[in-house]
Each structure stands twice: as C-alpha cells, then as structure tokens.
Amino acid sequence: MSNFDNAINSTRLWLEQAVIGLNLCPFAASVYRQGRVRIVASDARDYDTAIQHALAEVSLLLERPEREIATTLVIYPLALSDFDTFLDAAYDLEDLMEEAGTDGFLQVATFHPDYLFEDSTEDDPANWTNRSPFPTLHLLREDNVTEAVDQHPAPEAIPKRNVALVRDMGLNEIHDLWTEWTRQGAEQATRDMEDDA
C-alpha cells in the first residue's frame, strides 16, 4: 500500500463523512457528487517541492474548464507535517499566485491534522472543523465561492454552526471518527493494491 493511496482514500472518507456528511461545507456535496473535485497526493518531501506541486495544480485548475474540475485538494502525506511550516507554505503559495496574476480567480483554504485556530486552545474541538487526515491545500475558484455564498441564506452562520456541532460531539467522538477514516483509507488502499495484483 502506498502512502499516496492511503492519503487519497482517507481524504475521500473525510470529505464524504465529515465535510459533506456533517455538512461542514454546504457547498461541497454537489461538486463532489458530480465528480468535479480533483484529489491529488503530492510526492513532495520538502517545502519547495510542496509549493511547486501546488503551483502545478493551480495551473491545471486554471487551464481546465470548471465543468471538469471545480476545485482541487492537494494532499501532502510526506511533507508539511509541522502545522506552522504548513501555514508558511500556504502563505508563500498565495504570494506566488498573486505574483502570477491569479488574484481574483483562485483562493487557498487550509486543512491539517494539527490545525489550531489562533484564538483556540489545543483541546478545543473547534479546531477539528479544519482538521484533515493529512496536510491539505484546497484550491478554490473564486467565482464558485462567490456564487455559493450568494445562494446560501446565511453564509456567515456556517462557521459558528460548525464549531457548535463539533463542540457538542466532543473530543472523543471526533477523534474516533478521524482515526477511523485514516484506518479505512489504509484498508481501501490495501484492497486496491490486491485487486491490481
């Protein structure tokens, strides 16, 4: 089983069962069901290569029509495991995107196994609204974000609702769910390898 298969499978489960299943992002379900979410695991092992891989995905997202790829998740199973380093990479990527003229076209959202909001403590379940099985940079088309927000009756209430939901669930339940997705992702990757053999 490769780290990449495990990362992709675990991320799919997280997307299906947390982001969509818990309705953490009410905009995700339709594009995912339409097959327009690209999920790619980077083989980067260092900071600079991680950013280069993200930039390659930025280029691909800009080149391909929205009907084919609406959004991209770039997963890093071998890099950016330190949360602060990961955030630095996200900021550097945004700077490079701005220099390349993608400002107004694309934006970056961040998810990480150790995500910690600035105003939050380590044991606050609220952090889990942005926690994912692996470090993940989410590349979004700004037009799609604007359209989704405009169509939602109360977009400003989404983060508060998510925080309330995960706090009600509690750390134990949340941690068990995330652990299960990682385990299931590894098992699926093993089955896929056996099927290919």
N, C-alpha and C. Protein backbone atom coordinates (compact mmCIF):
# COMPACT_ATOMS: atom_id res chain seq x y z
N MET A 1 0.84 -1.19 0.00
CA MET A 1 0.00 0.00 0.00
C MET A 1 0.88 1.24 0.00
N SER A 2 0.60 2.19 -0.86
CA SER A 2 1.41 3.41 -0.90
C SER A 2 0.83 4.46 0.04
N ASN A 3 1.72 5.35 0.48
CA ASN A 3 1.27 6.49 1.28
C ASN A 3 0.26 7.32 0.50
N PHE A 4 0.41 7.34 -0.82
CA PHE A 4 -0.45 8.19 -1.65
C PHE A 4 -1.86 7.62 -1.74
N ASP A 5 -1.97 6.30 -1.93
CA ASP A 5 -3.30 5.68 -1.96
C ASP A 5 -4.01 5.87 -0.62
N ASN A 6 -3.28 5.65 0.46
CA ASN A 6 -3.84 5.82 1.80
C ASN A 6 -4.32 7.26 1.99
N ALA A 7 -3.48 8.21 1.57
CA ALA A 7 -3.83 9.63 1.74
C ALA A 7 -5.08 9.99 0.95
N ILE A 8 -5.16 9.52 -0.29
CA ILE A 8 -6.32 9.84 -1.13
C ILE A 8 -7.58 9.18 -0.57
N ASN A 9 -7.49 7.91 -0.20
CA ASN A 9 -8.67 7.21 0.34
C ASN A 9 -9.14 7.82 1.65
N SER A 10 -8.20 8.12 2.54
CA SER A 10 -8.57 8.73 3.83
C SER A 10 -9.19 10.10 3.62
N THR A 11 -8.65 10.85 2.67
CA THR A 11 -9.19 12.18 2.39
C THR A 11 -10.58 12.08 1.79
N ARG A 12 -10.80 11.10 0.92
CA ARG A 12 -12.15 10.90 0.37
C ARG A 12 -13.16 10.60 1.49
N LEU A 13 -12.77 9.72 2.41
CA LEU A 13 -13.67 9.40 3.52
C LEU A 13 -13.94 10.63 4.38
N TRP A 14 -12.91 11.41 4.67
CA TRP A 14 -13.07 12.64 5.44
C TRP A 14 -14.00 13.61 4.71
N LEU A 15 -13.80 13.73 3.40
CA LEU A 15 -14.64 14.62 2.61
C LEU A 15 -16.10 14.14 2.62
N GLU A 16 -16.29 12.85 2.42
CA GLU A 16 -17.65 12.30 2.36
C GLU A 16 -18.34 12.31 3.73
N GLN A 17 -17.61 11.95 4.78
CA GLN A 17 -18.25 11.74 6.08
C GLN A 17 -18.17 12.95 7.01
N ALA A 18 -17.18 13.80 6.83
CA ALA A 18 -17.07 14.99 7.68
C ALA A 18 -17.52 16.23 6.93
N VAL A 19 -16.80 16.59 5.89
CA VAL A 19 -17.09 17.83 5.18
C VAL A 19 -18.52 17.82 4.62
N ILE A 20 -18.89 16.70 3.98
CA ILE A 20 -20.24 16.58 3.42
C ILE A 20 -21.19 15.95 4.43
N GLY A 21 -20.77 14.86 5.05
CA GLY A 21 -21.65 14.12 5.97
C GLY A 21 -22.10 14.92 7.17
N LEU A 22 -21.19 15.71 7.74
CA LEU A 22 -21.55 16.57 8.87
C LEU A 22 -21.97 17.96 8.40
N ASN A 23 -21.97 18.16 7.08
CA ASN A 23 -22.36 19.42 6.46
C ASN A 23 -21.48 20.58 6.92
N LEU A 24 -20.17 20.30 7.10
CA LEU A 24 -19.25 21.37 7.48
C LEU A 24 -19.12 22.40 6.36
N CYS A 25 -19.26 21.93 5.13
CA CYS A 25 -19.29 22.85 3.99
C CYS A 25 -20.51 22.51 3.14
N PRO A 26 -21.56 23.31 3.23
CA PRO A 26 -22.79 23.00 2.49
C PRO A 26 -22.63 23.12 0.97
N PHE A 27 -21.48 23.64 0.52
CA PHE A 27 -21.27 23.82 -0.91
C PHE A 27 -20.54 22.64 -1.56
N ALA A 28 -20.03 21.72 -0.75
CA ALA A 28 -19.16 20.67 -1.27
C ALA A 28 -19.90 19.52 -1.93
N ALA A 29 -21.09 19.20 -1.44
CA ALA A 29 -21.77 17.97 -1.88
C ALA A 29 -22.01 17.93 -3.38
N SER A 30 -22.53 19.00 -3.95
CA SER A 30 -22.92 18.93 -5.36
C SER A 30 -21.71 18.73 -6.28
N VAL A 31 -20.63 19.49 -6.08
CA VAL A 31 -19.47 19.33 -6.97
C VAL A 31 -18.79 17.98 -6.77
N TYR A 32 -18.83 17.46 -5.53
CA TYR A 32 -18.23 16.15 -5.29
C TYR A 32 -19.04 15.05 -5.98
N ARG A 33 -20.34 15.11 -5.85
CA ARG A 33 -21.19 14.09 -6.49
C ARG A 33 -21.13 14.16 -8.02
N GLN A 34 -20.83 15.33 -8.53
CA GLN A 34 -20.68 15.49 -9.98
C GLN A 34 -19.29 15.08 -10.47
N GLY A 35 -18.42 14.67 -9.56
CA GLY A 35 -17.08 14.24 -9.93
C GLY A 35 -16.15 15.36 -10.35
N ARG A 36 -16.39 16.57 -9.81
CA ARG A 36 -15.59 17.72 -10.22
C ARG A 36 -14.60 18.18 -9.14
N VAL A 37 -14.35 17.30 -8.15
CA VAL A 37 -13.35 17.59 -7.13
C VAL A 37 -12.12 16.75 -7.45
N ARG A 38 -11.02 17.39 -7.75
CA ARG A 38 -9.76 16.69 -8.01
C ARG A 38 -9.04 16.50 -6.68
N ILE A 39 -8.65 15.25 -6.40
CA ILE A 39 -7.90 14.94 -5.19
C ILE A 39 -6.58 14.33 -5.63
N VAL A 40 -5.48 14.99 -5.29
CA VAL A 40 -4.17 14.52 -5.71
C VAL A 40 -3.23 14.49 -4.51
N ALA A 41 -2.45 13.41 -4.42
CA ALA A 41 -1.45 13.29 -3.35
C ALA A 41 -0.08 13.63 -3.92
N SER A 42 0.55 14.62 -3.35
CA SER A 42 1.87 15.05 -3.79
C SER A 42 2.94 14.12 -3.22
N ASP A 43 3.96 13.84 -4.02
CA ASP A 43 5.09 13.05 -3.51
C ASP A 43 6.21 13.95 -2.97
N ALA A 44 5.90 15.22 -2.78
CA ALA A 44 6.90 16.16 -2.25
C ALA A 44 7.37 15.72 -0.87
N ARG A 45 8.67 15.89 -0.64
CA ARG A 45 9.25 15.58 0.66
C ARG A 45 9.86 16.81 1.32
N ASP A 46 9.81 17.93 0.61
CA ASP A 46 10.38 19.16 1.17
C ASP A 46 9.49 20.35 0.83
N TYR A 47 9.78 21.44 1.49
CA TYR A 47 8.96 22.66 1.42
C TYR A 47 8.82 23.18 -0.01
N ASP A 48 9.96 23.39 -0.68
CA ASP A 48 9.93 23.99 -2.01
C ASP A 48 9.20 23.12 -3.02
N THR A 49 9.44 21.82 -2.95
CA THR A 49 8.75 20.91 -3.88
C THR A 49 7.25 20.89 -3.60
N ALA A 50 6.88 20.97 -2.34
CA ALA A 50 5.46 21.01 -1.98
C ALA A 50 4.78 22.21 -2.63
N ILE A 51 5.43 23.35 -2.58
CA ILE A 51 4.86 24.56 -3.19
C ILE A 51 4.81 24.42 -4.71
N GLN A 52 5.87 23.86 -5.30
CA GLN A 52 5.89 23.67 -6.76
C GLN A 52 4.76 22.76 -7.21
N HIS A 53 4.50 21.71 -6.45
CA HIS A 53 3.39 20.81 -6.81
C HIS A 53 2.05 21.54 -6.71
N ALA A 54 1.89 22.38 -5.70
CA ALA A 54 0.65 23.15 -5.58
C ALA A 54 0.50 24.11 -6.76
N LEU A 55 1.60 24.74 -7.16
CA LEU A 55 1.56 25.66 -8.31
C LEU A 55 1.19 24.93 -9.59
N ALA A 56 1.67 23.71 -9.75
CA ALA A 56 1.30 22.91 -10.92
C ALA A 56 -0.20 22.64 -10.93
N GLU A 57 -0.76 22.40 -9.75
CA GLU A 57 -2.21 22.18 -9.65
C GLU A 57 -2.99 23.47 -9.89
N VAL A 58 -2.42 24.60 -9.47
CA VAL A 58 -3.02 25.90 -9.77
C VAL A 58 -3.12 26.08 -11.28
N SER A 59 -2.02 25.80 -11.99
CA SER A 59 -2.01 25.93 -13.45
C SER A 59 -3.04 25.02 -14.10
N LEU A 60 -3.10 23.78 -13.62
CA LEU A 60 -4.07 22.83 -14.18
C LEU A 60 -5.50 23.30 -13.95
N LEU A 61 -5.77 23.81 -12.76
CA LEU A 61 -7.12 24.28 -12.44
C LEU A 61 -7.51 25.47 -13.33
N LEU A 62 -6.55 26.33 -13.62
CA LEU A 62 -6.82 27.48 -14.49
C LEU A 62 -6.99 27.07 -15.95
N GLU A 63 -6.29 26.01 -16.35
CA GLU A 63 -6.35 25.56 -17.74
C GLU A 63 -7.62 24.77 -18.05
N ARG A 64 -8.08 23.99 -17.08
CA ARG A 64 -9.22 23.10 -17.32
C ARG A 64 -10.53 23.84 -17.05
N PRO A 65 -11.56 23.52 -17.81
CA PRO A 65 -12.85 24.18 -17.58
C PRO A 65 -13.47 23.77 -16.24
N GLU A 66 -14.25 24.66 -15.70
CA GLU A 66 -14.89 24.44 -14.39
C GLU A 66 -15.80 23.21 -14.41
N ARG A 67 -16.37 22.91 -15.56
CA ARG A 67 -17.25 21.73 -15.64
C ARG A 67 -16.47 20.43 -15.47
N GLU A 68 -15.14 20.47 -15.66
CA GLU A 68 -14.30 19.28 -15.46
C GLU A 68 -13.71 19.25 -14.05
N ILE A 69 -13.11 20.36 -13.64
CA ILE A 69 -12.52 20.45 -12.30
C ILE A 69 -13.03 21.74 -11.65
N ALA A 70 -13.83 21.59 -10.63
CA ALA A 70 -14.34 22.76 -9.92
C ALA A 70 -13.37 23.21 -8.84
N THR A 71 -12.70 22.24 -8.23
CA THR A 71 -11.83 22.54 -7.09
C THR A 71 -10.82 21.40 -6.93
N THR A 72 -9.70 21.69 -6.28
CA THR A 72 -8.64 20.69 -6.13
C THR A 72 -8.17 20.63 -4.69
N LEU A 73 -7.99 19.40 -4.19
CA LEU A 73 -7.37 19.16 -2.89
C LEU A 73 -5.99 18.59 -3.14
N VAL A 74 -4.95 19.29 -2.69
CA VAL A 74 -3.57 18.81 -2.82
C VAL A 74 -3.15 18.30 -1.45
N ILE A 75 -2.90 16.99 -1.37
CA ILE A 75 -2.59 16.32 -0.10
C ILE A 75 -1.09 16.09 -0.01
N TYR A 76 -0.54 16.25 1.19
CA TYR A 76 0.90 16.07 1.40
C TYR A 76 1.16 14.99 2.45
N PRO A 77 1.21 13.71 2.04
CA PRO A 77 1.47 12.65 3.02
C PRO A 77 2.92 12.61 3.51
N LEU A 78 3.85 13.24 2.76
CA LEU A 78 5.28 13.14 3.09
C LEU A 78 5.91 14.50 3.42
N ALA A 79 5.13 15.55 3.43
CA ALA A 79 5.69 16.90 3.66
C ALA A 79 4.70 17.75 4.45
N LEU A 80 5.22 18.85 4.98
CA LEU A 80 4.41 19.87 5.66
C LEU A 80 3.66 19.33 6.87
N SER A 81 4.25 18.37 7.56
CA SER A 81 3.58 17.79 8.74
C SER A 81 3.55 18.76 9.92
N ASP A 82 4.52 19.67 9.99
CA ASP A 82 4.51 20.69 11.04
C ASP A 82 3.49 21.77 10.65
N PHE A 83 2.57 22.06 11.55
CA PHE A 83 1.47 22.97 11.21
C PHE A 83 1.95 24.38 10.85
N ASP A 84 2.90 24.93 11.61
CA ASP A 84 3.39 26.28 11.31
C ASP A 84 4.09 26.32 9.95
N THR A 85 4.86 25.29 9.65
CA THR A 85 5.52 25.21 8.34
C THR A 85 4.48 25.11 7.23
N PHE A 86 3.44 24.34 7.47
CA PHE A 86 2.35 24.20 6.51
C PHE A 86 1.69 25.56 6.23
N LEU A 87 1.41 26.32 7.29
CA LEU A 87 0.80 27.64 7.10
C LEU A 87 1.73 28.56 6.33
N ASP A 88 3.03 28.50 6.63
CA ASP A 88 4.00 29.29 5.87
C ASP A 88 3.93 28.94 4.38
N ALA A 89 3.83 27.65 4.09
CA ALA A 89 3.74 27.21 2.70
C ALA A 89 2.48 27.76 2.04
N ALA A 90 1.38 27.75 2.76
CA ALA A 90 0.12 28.28 2.22
C ALA A 90 0.26 29.77 1.92
N TYR A 91 0.88 30.52 2.83
CA TYR A 91 1.08 31.96 2.61
C TYR A 91 2.01 32.20 1.42
N ASP A 92 3.09 31.42 1.34
CA ASP A 92 4.01 31.57 0.21
C ASP A 92 3.32 31.23 -1.10
N LEU A 93 2.49 30.19 -1.09
CA LEU A 93 1.74 29.83 -2.29
C LEU A 93 0.82 30.97 -2.71
N GLU A 94 0.12 31.57 -1.75
CA GLU A 94 -0.76 32.69 -2.07
C GLU A 94 0.02 33.85 -2.67
N ASP A 95 1.20 34.14 -2.12
CA ASP A 95 2.04 35.22 -2.66
C ASP A 95 2.44 34.93 -4.10
N LEU A 96 2.86 33.69 -4.36
CA LEU A 96 3.26 33.31 -5.72
C LEU A 96 2.08 33.34 -6.68
N MET A 97 0.92 32.95 -6.19
CA MET A 97 -0.28 33.00 -7.03
C MET A 97 -0.63 34.45 -7.38
N GLU A 98 -0.49 35.33 -6.39
CA GLU A 98 -0.77 36.75 -6.64
C GLU A 98 0.21 37.31 -7.67
N GLU A 99 1.49 36.95 -7.53
CA GLU A 99 2.50 37.40 -8.49
C GLU A 99 2.18 36.89 -9.90
N ALA A 100 1.61 35.69 -9.97
CA ALA A 100 1.28 35.08 -11.27
C ALA A 100 -0.02 35.61 -11.85
N GLY A 101 -0.72 36.45 -11.09
CA GLY A 101 -1.94 37.06 -11.60
C GLY A 101 -3.21 36.25 -11.40
N THR A 102 -3.18 35.30 -10.45
CA THR A 102 -4.40 34.51 -10.21
C THR A 102 -5.32 35.17 -9.19
N ASP A 103 -4.91 36.32 -8.66
CA ASP A 103 -5.73 37.03 -7.69
C ASP A 103 -7.09 37.34 -8.32
N GLY A 104 -8.14 36.99 -7.63
CA GLY A 104 -9.48 37.19 -8.17
C GLY A 104 -10.01 35.97 -8.90
N PHE A 105 -9.14 34.99 -9.15
CA PHE A 105 -9.56 33.77 -9.84
C PHE A 105 -9.57 32.56 -8.91
N LEU A 106 -8.52 32.46 -8.07
CA LEU A 106 -8.39 31.31 -7.18
C LEU A 106 -8.09 31.77 -5.77
N GLN A 107 -8.45 30.93 -4.81
CA GLN A 107 -8.06 31.16 -3.42
C GLN A 107 -7.68 29.84 -2.78
N VAL A 108 -7.01 29.92 -1.64
CA VAL A 108 -6.49 28.73 -0.96
C VAL A 108 -7.16 28.61 0.41
N ALA A 109 -7.64 27.41 0.71
CA ALA A 109 -8.11 27.08 2.06
C ALA A 109 -7.17 26.02 2.62
N THR A 110 -7.04 25.99 3.94
CA THR A 110 -6.06 25.10 4.57
C THR A 110 -6.73 24.12 5.53
N PHE A 111 -6.25 22.87 5.47
CA PHE A 111 -6.68 21.81 6.38
C PHE A 111 -5.45 21.02 6.80
N HIS A 112 -5.40 20.62 8.06
CA HIS A 112 -4.19 19.97 8.58
C HIS A 112 -4.57 19.11 9.78
N PRO A 113 -3.87 17.98 9.99
CA PRO A 113 -4.18 17.13 11.15
C PRO A 113 -4.01 17.84 12.49
N ASP A 114 -3.14 18.86 12.54
CA ASP A 114 -2.88 19.59 13.78
C ASP A 114 -3.40 21.01 13.73
N TYR A 115 -4.44 21.25 12.93
CA TYR A 115 -4.95 22.61 12.77
C TYR A 115 -5.29 23.22 14.13
N LEU A 116 -4.86 24.45 14.31
CA LEU A 116 -5.11 25.17 15.56
C LEU A 116 -5.47 26.61 15.22
N PHE A 117 -6.71 26.98 15.51
CA PHE A 117 -7.11 28.37 15.28
C PHE A 117 -6.36 29.28 16.23
N GLU A 118 -6.09 30.49 15.76
CA GLU A 118 -5.28 31.44 16.52
C GLU A 118 -5.86 31.72 17.90
N ASP A 119 -7.17 31.79 18.01
CA ASP A 119 -7.82 32.14 19.28
C ASP A 119 -8.30 30.91 20.03
N SER A 120 -7.73 29.76 19.71
CA SER A 120 -8.23 28.50 20.24
C SER A 120 -7.15 27.78 21.05
N THR A 121 -7.58 26.93 21.98
CA THR A 121 -6.64 26.10 22.73
C THR A 121 -6.51 24.74 22.03
N GLU A 122 -5.46 24.02 22.36
CA GLU A 122 -5.18 22.73 21.71
C GLU A 122 -6.33 21.74 21.85
N ASP A 123 -7.00 21.77 23.01
CA ASP A 123 -8.06 20.78 23.26
C ASP A 123 -9.46 21.27 22.87
N ASP A 124 -9.54 22.39 22.15
CA ASP A 124 -10.84 22.90 21.72
C ASP A 124 -11.32 22.11 20.49
N PRO A 125 -12.47 21.45 20.59
CA PRO A 125 -12.97 20.70 19.43
C PRO A 125 -13.16 21.56 18.18
N ALA A 126 -13.27 22.88 18.34
CA ALA A 126 -13.45 23.76 17.19
C ALA A 126 -12.35 23.59 16.15
N ASN A 127 -11.14 23.26 16.61
CA ASN A 127 -10.03 23.07 15.68
C ASN A 127 -10.32 21.99 14.64
N TRP A 128 -11.16 21.03 15.02
CA TRP A 128 -11.43 19.90 14.14
C TRP A 128 -12.28 20.29 12.93
N THR A 129 -12.85 21.47 12.90
CA THR A 129 -13.57 21.89 11.70
C THR A 129 -12.60 22.08 10.53
N ASN A 130 -11.32 22.28 10.82
CA ASN A 130 -10.31 22.44 9.78
C ASN A 130 -9.23 21.36 9.84
N ARG A 131 -9.52 20.28 10.55
CA ARG A 131 -8.55 19.18 10.61
C ARG A 131 -8.90 18.14 9.55
N SER A 132 -7.86 17.64 8.93
CA SER A 132 -7.99 16.63 7.88
C SER A 132 -6.99 15.51 8.17
N PRO A 133 -7.15 14.36 7.52
CA PRO A 133 -6.22 13.26 7.79
C PRO A 133 -4.77 13.57 7.45
N PHE A 134 -4.54 14.42 6.45
CA PHE A 134 -3.19 14.79 6.01
C PHE A 134 -3.16 16.29 5.72
N PRO A 135 -1.97 16.91 5.75
CA PRO A 135 -1.88 18.31 5.34
C PRO A 135 -2.48 18.48 3.94
N THR A 136 -3.38 19.44 3.81
CA THR A 136 -4.12 19.59 2.55
C THR A 136 -4.31 21.06 2.21
N LEU A 137 -3.92 21.42 0.99
CA LEU A 137 -4.20 22.75 0.45
C LEU A 137 -5.39 22.61 -0.50
N HIS A 138 -6.41 23.40 -0.26
CA HIS A 138 -7.63 23.35 -1.06
C HIS A 138 -7.65 24.55 -1.98
N LEU A 139 -7.59 24.29 -3.28
CA LEU A 139 -7.61 25.35 -4.29
C LEU A 139 -9.04 25.52 -4.78
N LEU A 140 -9.56 26.72 -4.63
CA LEU A 140 -10.96 27.00 -4.99
C LEU A 140 -11.04 28.10 -6.04
N ARG A 141 -12.00 27.97 -6.92
CA ARG A 141 -12.29 29.04 -7.89
C ARG A 141 -13.12 30.11 -7.18
N GLU A 142 -12.66 31.34 -7.24
CA GLU A 142 -13.36 32.42 -6.52
C GLU A 142 -14.78 32.63 -7.02
N ASP A 143 -15.01 32.46 -8.32
CA ASP A 143 -16.37 32.61 -8.84
C ASP A 143 -17.32 31.62 -8.20
N ASN A 144 -16.84 30.37 -8.02
CA ASN A 144 -17.68 29.34 -7.40
C ASN A 144 -17.98 29.68 -5.94
N VAL A 145 -16.96 30.19 -5.25
CA VAL A 145 -17.14 30.56 -3.84
C VAL A 145 -18.16 31.68 -3.73
N THR A 146 -18.01 32.71 -4.56
CA THR A 146 -18.92 33.85 -4.53
C THR A 146 -20.35 33.41 -4.83
N GLU A 147 -20.50 32.58 -5.85
CA GLU A 147 -21.84 32.10 -6.23
C GLU A 147 -22.47 31.28 -5.10
N ALA A 148 -21.68 30.40 -4.51
CA ALA A 148 -22.21 29.55 -3.42
C ALA A 148 -22.61 30.39 -2.22
N VAL A 149 -21.79 31.35 -1.87
CA VAL A 149 -22.08 32.22 -0.72
C VAL A 149 -23.33 33.06 -1.00
N ASP A 150 -23.44 33.57 -2.22
CA ASP A 150 -24.61 34.39 -2.58
C ASP A 150 -25.91 33.59 -2.52
N GLN A 151 -25.83 32.29 -2.80
CA GLN A 151 -27.03 31.46 -2.82
C GLN A 151 -27.40 30.91 -1.45
N HIS A 152 -26.48 31.00 -0.50
CA HIS A 152 -26.75 30.46 0.84
C HIS A 152 -27.49 31.51 1.66
N PRO A 153 -28.53 31.11 2.41
CA PRO A 153 -29.31 32.10 3.16
C PRO A 153 -28.54 32.79 4.29
N ALA A 154 -27.55 32.12 4.87
CA ALA A 154 -26.80 32.72 5.99
C ALA A 154 -25.37 32.19 6.02
N PRO A 155 -24.54 32.58 5.04
CA PRO A 155 -23.18 32.04 4.98
C PRO A 155 -22.33 32.38 6.20
N GLU A 156 -22.61 33.53 6.81
CA GLU A 156 -21.83 33.94 7.98
C GLU A 156 -22.09 33.04 9.18
N ALA A 157 -23.19 32.30 9.15
CA ALA A 157 -23.53 31.41 10.27
C ALA A 157 -22.85 30.04 10.17
N ILE A 158 -22.28 29.72 9.01
CA ILE A 158 -21.70 28.39 8.81
C ILE A 158 -20.58 28.09 9.81
N PRO A 159 -19.57 28.97 9.97
CA PRO A 159 -18.50 28.65 10.92
C PRO A 159 -19.01 28.47 12.35
N LYS A 160 -19.94 29.31 12.78
CA LYS A 160 -20.48 29.19 14.14
C LYS A 160 -21.23 27.87 14.32
N ARG A 161 -22.00 27.50 13.30
CA ARG A 161 -22.73 26.24 13.35
C ARG A 161 -21.76 25.06 13.43
N ASN A 162 -20.68 25.12 12.65
CA ASN A 162 -19.69 24.03 12.65
C ASN A 162 -19.01 23.88 14.00
N VAL A 163 -18.63 25.01 14.58
CA VAL A 163 -17.97 24.99 15.90
C VAL A 163 -18.92 24.41 16.94
N ALA A 164 -20.18 24.85 16.91
CA ALA A 164 -21.16 24.32 17.87
C ALA A 164 -21.34 22.81 17.69
N LEU A 165 -21.39 22.37 16.44
CA LEU A 165 -21.57 20.94 16.16
C LEU A 165 -20.43 20.10 16.73
N VAL A 166 -19.19 20.48 16.43
CA VAL A 166 -18.06 19.65 16.90
C VAL A 166 -17.87 19.77 18.41
N ARG A 167 -18.19 20.91 18.98
CA ARG A 167 -18.11 21.02 20.44
C ARG A 167 -19.16 20.13 21.10
N ASP A 168 -20.34 20.04 20.50
CA ASP A 168 -21.38 19.14 21.03
C ASP A 168 -20.96 17.68 20.90
N MET A 169 -20.26 17.35 19.82
CA MET A 169 -19.79 15.98 19.63
C MET A 169 -18.75 15.60 20.67
N GLY A 170 -17.88 16.54 20.99
CA GLY A 170 -16.83 16.27 21.98
C GLY A 170 -15.58 15.67 21.35
N LEU A 171 -14.46 15.84 22.04
CA LEU A 171 -13.17 15.42 21.51
C LEU A 171 -13.09 13.92 21.25
N ASN A 172 -13.62 13.12 22.15
CA ASN A 172 -13.50 11.67 21.98
C ASN A 172 -14.19 11.18 20.72
N GLU A 173 -15.42 11.62 20.50
CA GLU A 173 -16.15 11.18 19.30
C GLU A 173 -15.47 11.67 18.03
N ILE A 174 -15.05 12.92 18.04
CA ILE A 174 -14.39 13.49 16.87
C ILE A 174 -13.10 12.74 16.57
N HIS A 175 -12.28 12.54 17.59
CA HIS A 175 -11.00 11.85 17.40
C HIS A 175 -11.23 10.44 16.88
N ASP A 176 -12.22 9.74 17.42
CA ASP A 176 -12.52 8.38 16.95
C ASP A 176 -12.92 8.37 15.48
N LEU A 177 -13.71 9.35 15.06
CA LEU A 177 -14.11 9.43 13.65
C LEU A 177 -12.91 9.64 12.74
N TRP A 178 -12.05 10.60 13.09
CA TRP A 178 -10.89 10.89 12.25
C TRP A 178 -9.95 9.69 12.20
N THR A 179 -9.77 9.01 13.31
CA THR A 179 -8.92 7.81 13.35
C THR A 179 -9.51 6.72 12.46
N GLU A 180 -10.81 6.57 12.50
CA GLU A 180 -11.49 5.55 11.69
C GLU A 180 -11.33 5.84 10.20
N TRP A 181 -11.41 7.10 9.79
CA TRP A 181 -11.25 7.42 8.37
C TRP A 181 -9.85 7.09 7.90
N THR A 182 -8.86 7.35 8.73
CA THR A 182 -7.49 7.03 8.35
C THR A 182 -7.32 5.51 8.24
N ARG A 183 -7.89 4.77 9.19
CA ARG A 183 -7.81 3.31 9.15
C ARG A 183 -8.52 2.76 7.91
N GLN A 184 -9.73 3.24 7.66
CA GLN A 184 -10.48 2.77 6.49
C GLN A 184 -9.76 3.11 5.19
N GLY A 185 -9.14 4.29 5.15
CA GLY A 185 -8.39 4.68 3.96
C GLY A 185 -7.24 3.74 3.68
N ALA A 186 -6.53 3.33 4.74
CA ALA A 186 -5.42 2.39 4.59
C ALA A 186 -5.93 1.03 4.12
N GLU A 187 -7.05 0.58 4.69
CA GLU A 187 -7.61 -0.71 4.28
C GLU A 187 -8.05 -0.68 2.82
N GLN A 188 -8.66 0.41 2.39
CA GLN A 188 -9.09 0.52 1.00
C GLN A 188 -7.89 0.52 0.07
N ALA A 189 -6.83 1.21 0.45
CA ALA A 189 -5.62 1.23 -0.38
C ALA A 189 -5.04 -0.18 -0.52
N THR A 190 -5.07 -0.95 0.57
CA THR A 190 -4.57 -2.33 0.53
C THR A 190 -5.43 -3.17 -0.41
N ARG A 191 -6.76 -3.03 -0.32
CA ARG A 191 -7.66 -3.78 -1.21
C ARG A 191 -7.42 -3.40 -2.67
N ASP A 192 -7.22 -2.11 -2.92
CA ASP A 192 -6.98 -1.66 -4.29
C ASP A 192 -5.71 -2.28 -4.86
N MET A 193 -4.66 -2.36 -4.01
CA MET A 193 -3.41 -2.96 -4.46
C MET A 193 -3.60 -4.45 -4.76
N GLU A 194 -4.36 -5.13 -3.92
CA GLU A 194 -4.61 -6.56 -4.14
C GLU A 194 -5.41 -6.78 -5.41
N ASP A 195 -6.36 -5.90 -5.69
CA ASP A 195 -7.16 -6.01 -6.92
C ASP A 195 -6.30 -5.80 -8.16
N ASP A 196 -5.29 -4.91 -8.03
CA ASP A 196 -4.42 -4.61 -9.17
C ASP A 196 -3.36 -5.69 -9.40
N ALA A 197 -3.13 -6.52 -8.37
CA ALA A 197 -2.06 -7.53 -8.47
C ALA A 197 -2.44 -8.66 -9.43
